[in-house]
Amino acid sequence: MNTTTHLFSLSYDSNSTSINNQSWFIPVDILLIIFLGLTIILSFVFLSIILFDKTCHTVAMMLVVNSCLAALLFTSSLLWQTGISLRNDLKKLEHEDPPCRFRAYIGYVGCSEMFYSYLLQAIYRYILAVYPTRLFYQSARFQFFLIVITWICAFVCISPFILTGEIIYTVDDQICQMPLQRSVVLIYGLFYMYIIPMNSIMFIYYRLVYYVKQMSKRVTQANSVTRAKRELRMVYRVVIIVSILLIVGFPYTVFILMGLISQPPKYHFRIAFGFVDVSLFLIIITLFNFTDPVKLSIMKRINRQKNAAVEPFK
């Protein structure tokens, strides 16, 4: 046992270099691990409620589950990444572990799918409002097909990041990422991961706003207008959720733009991912608040427990 440990220690040290850490590295690492851990716990609670409550087994909730799974994959990769960074910071060593680049690739895939999952929710709500008679496009089979396609596209379209060797180990930040510098792959990733899904969601939202206004002007059935307004409200919620990720993760966007012009500041990835980690926690909380079937399920369970506790005293 001691021999094995000694050999592993020699192997680890041979690939490692001692570095000087900043005093804020370890406290921030621990704080981010707490946020990411809470996000993962809440995600599993969210998924468990949907899984065991039959009232949540709808097409709309299937799309919400897809968003939650994408966020869970992204959060898990970040938790893994932050855990390795904490270990290296504690040992004051520069060390690239073997799955470092693969971990970054999975993180990019999860982030990409998260944005496209919200785009699928917006598309579904638009179909319900504008094309209520197109039942095939509203079916679980067709929506599941779209989910599978977006996941396949995420893994395939993000592959140039790692196949071109763009993902590298950054010593200052103790993580593997694609450098924020002027490159074709970075611009391609920026368009695929953020610009295309975000612009598409906003386009759907404004198209739905225009549709509701036009319906309100015409003489139409009240239930049609009500349905359209309800779907508009749901798309608006999607816009809020995505905006949280973009607003709290604004430093990452700033560093990307800086990288296209000049050199980002030192430790930019540590700073940027700190905000991203917090935004993921806020997104899961917001998802709980905006998902009415899940809130109703929780309230039913709470009321049931209260009734069970009060009943013996009757």
Protein backbone atom coordinates (compact mmCIF):
# COMPACT_ATOMS: atom_id res chain seq x y z
CA MET A 1 0.00 0.00 0.00
CA ASN A 2 2.79 2.43 0.94
CA THR A 3 4.71 1.48 -2.22
CA THR A 4 1.68 2.23 -4.41
CA THR A 5 1.11 5.57 -2.70
CA HIS A 6 4.78 6.43 -3.08
CA LEU A 7 4.75 5.59 -6.80
CA PHE A 8 1.60 7.70 -7.34
CA SER A 9 3.21 10.58 -5.44
CA LEU A 10 6.33 10.36 -7.63
CA SER A 11 4.19 10.31 -10.77
CA TYR A 12 2.15 13.28 -9.57
CA ASP A 13 5.18 15.32 -8.58
CA SER A 14 7.01 14.59 -11.86
CA ASN A 15 4.18 16.26 -13.79
CA SER A 16 3.69 19.12 -11.32
CA THR A 17 5.39 22.45 -10.68
CA SER A 18 5.25 24.49 -7.50
CA ILE A 19 3.51 27.87 -7.88
CA ASN A 20 2.60 30.83 -5.70
CA ASN A 21 -1.10 31.20 -4.91
CA GLN A 22 -3.14 34.29 -4.18
CA SER A 23 -4.75 34.44 -0.73
CA TRP A 24 -8.28 34.49 -2.20
CA PHE A 25 -7.94 31.33 -4.29
CA ILE A 26 -8.88 28.73 -1.67
CA PRO A 27 -11.79 30.63 0.00
CA VAL A 28 -13.32 31.35 -3.42
CA ASP A 29 -12.85 27.71 -4.50
CA ILE A 30 -14.66 26.49 -1.39
CA LEU A 31 -17.47 29.03 -1.81
CA LEU A 32 -18.00 28.04 -5.44
CA ILE A 33 -18.03 24.34 -4.55
CA ILE A 34 -20.81 25.09 -2.04
CA PHE A 35 -22.86 26.95 -4.69
CA LEU A 36 -22.32 24.22 -7.28
CA GLY A 37 -23.13 21.49 -4.75
CA LEU A 38 -26.38 23.21 -3.79
CA THR A 39 -27.27 23.60 -7.47
CA ILE A 40 -26.78 19.88 -8.08
CA ILE A 41 -28.84 18.94 -5.00
CA LEU A 42 -31.69 21.23 -6.05
CA SER A 43 -31.54 19.84 -9.59
CA PHE A 44 -31.96 16.29 -8.32
CA VAL A 45 -34.85 17.38 -6.08
CA PHE A 46 -36.45 19.11 -9.06
CA LEU A 47 -36.05 16.04 -11.29
CA SER A 48 -37.30 13.69 -8.55
CA ILE A 49 -40.51 15.67 -8.10
CA ILE A 50 -41.19 15.56 -11.84
CA LEU A 51 -40.36 11.86 -12.02
CA PHE A 52 -42.66 10.75 -9.19
CA ASP A 53 -45.56 13.18 -9.70
CA LYS A 54 -47.72 12.01 -12.62
CA THR A 55 -49.29 15.46 -13.00
CA CYS A 56 -45.86 16.64 -14.16
CA HIS A 57 -45.67 14.08 -16.97
CA THR A 58 -46.46 16.48 -19.83
CA VAL A 59 -44.67 17.59 -22.99
CA ALA A 60 -43.94 21.02 -21.49
CA MET A 61 -42.38 19.42 -18.42
CA MET A 62 -40.31 17.10 -20.63
CA LEU A 63 -38.72 20.20 -22.14
CA VAL A 64 -38.13 21.64 -18.66
CA VAL A 65 -36.46 18.37 -17.62
CA ASN A 66 -34.20 18.68 -20.65
CA SER A 67 -33.13 22.15 -19.51
CA CYS A 68 -32.52 20.85 -16.00
CA LEU A 69 -30.40 17.93 -17.29
CA ALA A 70 -28.31 20.29 -19.43
CA ALA A 71 -27.76 22.58 -16.43
CA LEU A 72 -26.91 19.53 -14.31
CA LEU A 73 -24.27 18.38 -16.81
CA PHE A 74 -22.77 21.87 -16.99
CA THR A 75 -22.79 22.27 -13.21
CA SER A 76 -21.24 18.82 -12.64
CA SER A 77 -18.36 19.62 -15.00
CA LEU A 78 -17.79 22.92 -13.19
CA LEU A 79 -17.89 21.20 -9.78
CA TRP A 80 -15.33 18.65 -11.00
CA GLN A 81 -13.21 21.45 -12.42
CA THR A 82 -13.38 23.55 -9.24
CA GLY A 83 -12.56 20.52 -7.08
CA ILE A 84 -9.38 19.89 -9.07
CA SER A 85 -8.47 23.59 -8.87
CA LEU A 86 -8.95 23.51 -5.07
CA ARG A 87 -6.71 20.45 -4.79
CA ASN A 88 -3.96 22.12 -6.83
CA ASP A 89 -4.35 25.39 -4.92
CA LEU A 90 -4.03 23.58 -1.59
CA LYS A 91 -0.88 21.78 -2.77
CA LYS A 92 0.39 24.96 -4.48
CA LEU A 93 1.08 22.92 -7.59
CA GLU A 94 0.60 23.40 -11.31
CA HIS A 95 -0.79 20.09 -12.56
CA GLU A 96 -2.92 19.12 -15.57
CA ASP A 97 -4.83 15.94 -14.73
CA PRO A 98 -5.53 13.54 -17.67
CA PRO A 99 -9.28 14.27 -18.07
CA CYS A 100 -8.76 18.05 -17.87
CA ARG A 101 -9.48 18.81 -21.54
CA PHE A 102 -12.31 16.31 -21.76
CA ARG A 103 -13.89 17.95 -18.69
CA ALA A 104 -13.76 21.32 -20.43
CA TYR A 105 -15.33 19.80 -23.55
CA ILE A 106 -18.22 18.37 -21.50
CA GLY A 107 -18.69 21.75 -19.87
CA TYR A 108 -18.99 23.45 -23.25
CA VAL A 109 -21.48 20.77 -24.37
CA GLY A 110 -23.62 21.27 -21.25
CA CYS A 111 -23.57 25.06 -21.60
CA SER A 112 -24.48 24.86 -25.29
CA GLU A 113 -27.34 22.42 -24.72
CA MET A 114 -28.67 24.55 -21.88
CA PHE A 115 -29.18 27.52 -24.21
CA TYR A 116 -30.71 25.37 -26.95
CA SER A 117 -33.00 23.66 -24.44
CA TYR A 118 -34.52 27.04 -23.63
CA LEU A 119 -34.85 27.69 -27.35
CA LEU A 120 -36.86 24.46 -27.65
CA GLN A 121 -39.16 25.64 -24.85
CA ALA A 122 -39.72 28.94 -26.68
CA ILE A 123 -40.44 27.14 -29.97
CA TYR A 124 -42.92 24.82 -28.28
CA ARG A 125 -44.79 27.72 -26.68
CA TYR A 126 -44.86 29.56 -30.00
CA ILE A 127 -46.39 26.52 -31.71
CA LEU A 128 -49.05 26.21 -29.01
CA ALA A 129 -50.02 29.86 -29.41
CA VAL A 130 -49.81 30.35 -33.18
CA TYR A 131 -50.48 26.84 -34.52
CA PRO A 132 -52.77 25.20 -31.94
CA THR A 133 -54.17 22.75 -34.51
CA ARG A 134 -50.74 21.37 -35.52
CA LEU A 135 -50.93 18.51 -33.04
CA PHE A 136 -48.01 16.57 -34.50
CA TYR A 137 -45.53 19.37 -33.71
CA GLN A 138 -46.90 19.52 -30.17
CA SER A 139 -46.58 15.78 -29.61
CA ALA A 140 -44.14 14.25 -27.16
CA ARG A 141 -42.58 12.18 -29.95
CA PHE A 142 -41.71 15.20 -32.10
CA GLN A 143 -40.44 17.26 -29.16
CA PHE A 144 -38.32 14.34 -27.96
CA PHE A 145 -36.90 14.08 -31.48
CA LEU A 146 -35.89 17.76 -31.30
CA ILE A 147 -34.28 17.19 -27.90
CA VAL A 148 -32.20 14.30 -29.25
CA ILE A 149 -31.15 16.38 -32.28
CA THR A 150 -29.98 19.29 -30.09
CA TRP A 151 -27.92 16.93 -27.89
CA ILE A 152 -26.29 15.32 -30.93
CA CYS A 153 -25.55 18.76 -32.39
CA ALA A 154 -24.06 19.89 -29.08
CA PHE A 155 -21.57 17.01 -28.94
CA VAL A 156 -20.71 17.27 -32.66
CA CYS A 157 -20.60 21.05 -33.04
CA ILE A 158 -18.47 21.54 -29.91
CA SER A 159 -15.96 18.86 -31.01
CA PRO A 160 -13.81 21.36 -33.00
CA PHE A 161 -12.87 22.91 -29.66
CA ILE A 162 -10.96 19.80 -28.64
CA LEU A 163 -10.08 18.32 -32.05
CA THR A 164 -8.20 21.47 -33.10
CA GLY A 165 -6.30 21.57 -29.82
CA GLU A 166 -7.85 24.91 -28.86
CA ILE A 167 -8.61 23.70 -25.33
CA ILE A 168 -5.43 24.02 -23.28
CA TYR A 169 -4.39 24.06 -19.64
CA THR A 170 -4.11 27.56 -18.16
CA VAL A 171 -1.64 27.72 -15.30
CA ASP A 172 -2.97 30.85 -13.55
CA ASP A 173 -6.55 29.57 -13.44
CA GLN A 174 -5.72 25.86 -12.87
CA ILE A 175 -8.28 24.77 -15.48
CA CYS A 176 -8.48 23.68 -19.11
CA GLN A 177 -10.30 26.13 -21.36
CA MET A 178 -10.18 27.63 -24.81
CA PRO A 179 -8.04 30.79 -24.58
CA LEU A 180 -9.98 34.02 -24.99
CA GLN A 181 -8.06 35.30 -27.97
CA ARG A 182 -8.83 36.11 -31.57
CA SER A 183 -9.40 32.80 -33.35
CA VAL A 184 -11.84 31.28 -35.83
CA VAL A 185 -12.85 28.54 -33.37
CA LEU A 186 -13.63 31.05 -30.58
CA ILE A 187 -15.81 33.17 -32.89
CA TYR A 188 -17.51 30.03 -34.19
CA GLY A 189 -18.20 28.88 -30.63
CA LEU A 190 -19.50 32.30 -29.66
CA PHE A 191 -22.02 32.21 -32.50
CA TYR A 192 -23.08 28.60 -32.00
CA MET A 193 -23.34 28.60 -28.21
CA TYR A 194 -24.72 32.07 -27.48
CA ILE A 195 -25.61 34.33 -30.39
CA ILE A 196 -27.75 31.90 -32.43
CA PRO A 197 -29.92 30.52 -29.56
CA MET A 198 -30.25 33.88 -27.79
CA ASN A 199 -31.23 35.78 -30.94
CA SER A 200 -33.66 32.99 -31.84
CA ILE A 201 -35.33 33.14 -28.42
CA MET A 202 -35.67 36.92 -28.59
CA PHE A 203 -37.03 36.69 -32.16
CA ILE A 204 -39.68 34.18 -31.04
CA TYR A 205 -40.59 36.37 -28.07
CA TYR A 206 -41.09 39.50 -30.18
CA ARG A 207 -42.98 37.54 -32.83
CA LEU A 208 -45.30 36.25 -30.13
CA VAL A 209 -45.76 39.76 -28.71
CA TYR A 210 -46.71 40.98 -32.18
CA TYR A 211 -49.08 38.03 -32.64
CA VAL A 212 -50.88 38.72 -29.35
CA LYS A 213 -51.25 42.42 -30.20
CA GLN A 214 -52.70 41.56 -33.62
CA MET A 215 -55.13 39.09 -32.06
CA SER A 216 -56.27 41.69 -29.53
CA LYS A 217 -57.08 44.11 -32.35
CA ARG A 218 -59.11 41.56 -34.31
CA VAL A 219 -62.44 40.07 -33.31
CA THR A 220 -61.33 36.66 -32.11
CA GLN A 221 -62.45 34.15 -29.52
CA ALA A 222 -61.54 35.12 -25.98
CA ASN A 223 -60.05 31.70 -25.22
CA SER A 224 -57.65 32.01 -28.20
CA VAL A 225 -56.37 35.36 -26.95
CA THR A 226 -56.06 34.02 -23.41
CA ARG A 227 -54.11 30.99 -24.65
CA ALA A 228 -51.75 33.17 -26.68
CA LYS A 229 -51.14 35.47 -23.70
CA ARG A 230 -50.43 32.47 -21.49
CA GLU A 231 -47.83 31.12 -23.91
CA LEU A 232 -46.34 34.61 -24.23
CA ARG A 233 -45.96 34.69 -20.46
CA MET A 234 -44.17 31.33 -20.55
CA VAL A 235 -41.75 32.52 -23.25
CA TYR A 236 -41.15 35.66 -21.19
CA ARG A 237 -40.14 33.42 -18.30
CA VAL A 238 -37.66 31.64 -20.57
CA VAL A 239 -36.21 35.03 -21.54
CA ILE A 240 -35.80 35.91 -17.84
CA ILE A 241 -34.01 32.63 -17.07
CA VAL A 242 -31.57 33.04 -19.95
CA SER A 243 -31.07 36.71 -19.07
CA ILE A 244 -30.02 35.70 -15.54
CA LEU A 245 -27.27 33.52 -16.97
CA LEU A 246 -26.13 36.28 -19.32
CA ILE A 247 -26.33 39.14 -16.80
CA VAL A 248 -24.62 37.34 -13.90
CA GLY A 249 -22.15 35.84 -16.37
CA PHE A 250 -21.51 39.27 -17.90
CA PRO A 251 -17.82 39.30 -16.85
CA TYR A 252 -17.25 36.22 -19.05
CA THR A 253 -18.74 38.10 -22.01
CA VAL A 254 -16.55 41.11 -21.26
CA PHE A 255 -13.42 38.94 -21.13
CA ILE A 256 -14.37 37.32 -24.46
CA LEU A 257 -14.67 40.74 -26.09
CA MET A 258 -11.40 41.83 -24.49
CA GLY A 259 -9.73 38.69 -25.82
CA LEU A 260 -10.78 39.59 -29.36
CA ILE A 261 -9.03 42.96 -29.02
CA SER A 262 -6.26 42.57 -26.45
CA GLN A 263 -5.16 40.34 -23.56
CA PRO A 264 -7.72 39.62 -20.76
CA PRO A 265 -6.54 40.28 -17.18
CA LYS A 266 -4.77 37.65 -15.13
CA TYR A 267 -7.06 35.08 -13.43
CA HIS A 268 -9.91 36.05 -15.78
CA PHE A 269 -11.27 32.50 -15.91
CA ARG A 270 -11.41 32.28 -12.10
CA ILE A 271 -13.35 35.54 -11.98
CA ALA A 272 -15.66 34.69 -14.88
CA PHE A 273 -16.54 31.20 -13.69
CA GLY A 274 -17.20 32.53 -10.21
CA PHE A 275 -20.08 34.57 -11.61
CA VAL A 276 -21.23 31.70 -13.86
CA ASP A 277 -21.37 29.30 -10.90
CA VAL A 278 -23.58 31.71 -8.96
CA SER A 279 -25.82 32.23 -11.98
CA LEU A 280 -26.47 28.48 -12.27
CA PHE A 281 -27.67 28.44 -8.67
CA LEU A 282 -29.98 31.39 -9.35
CA ILE A 283 -31.30 29.71 -12.51
CA ILE A 284 -32.34 26.55 -10.63
CA ILE A 285 -34.10 28.68 -7.99
CA THR A 286 -35.87 30.63 -10.75
CA LEU A 287 -36.78 27.40 -12.53
CA PHE A 288 -38.45 26.19 -9.34
CA ASN A 289 -40.35 29.44 -9.06
CA PHE A 290 -41.50 29.50 -12.69
CA THR A 291 -42.49 25.83 -12.98
CA ASP A 292 -46.05 25.86 -11.64
CA PRO A 293 -46.64 22.05 -11.66
CA VAL A 294 -43.54 21.54 -9.50
CA LYS A 295 -44.61 24.29 -7.09
CA LEU A 296 -48.09 22.75 -6.81
CA SER A 297 -46.57 19.32 -6.19
CA ILE A 298 -44.39 20.72 -3.39
CA MET A 299 -47.35 22.54 -1.82
CA LYS A 300 -49.42 19.34 -1.92
CA ARG A 301 -46.68 17.44 -0.13
CA ILE A 302 -46.30 20.17 2.50
CA ASN A 303 -50.07 20.32 3.12
CA ARG A 304 -50.23 16.53 3.32
CA GLN A 305 -47.50 16.48 5.96
CA LYS A 306 -49.21 19.24 7.93
CA ASN A 307 -52.50 17.35 7.88
CA ALA A 308 -50.76 14.17 8.96
CA ALA A 309 -49.15 16.02 11.88
CA VAL A 310 -52.39 17.67 13.01
CA GLU A 311 -54.68 14.64 12.66
CA PRO A 312 -53.64 12.81 15.90
CA PHE A 313 -54.64 15.86 17.97
CA LYS A 314 -58.24 15.97 16.66
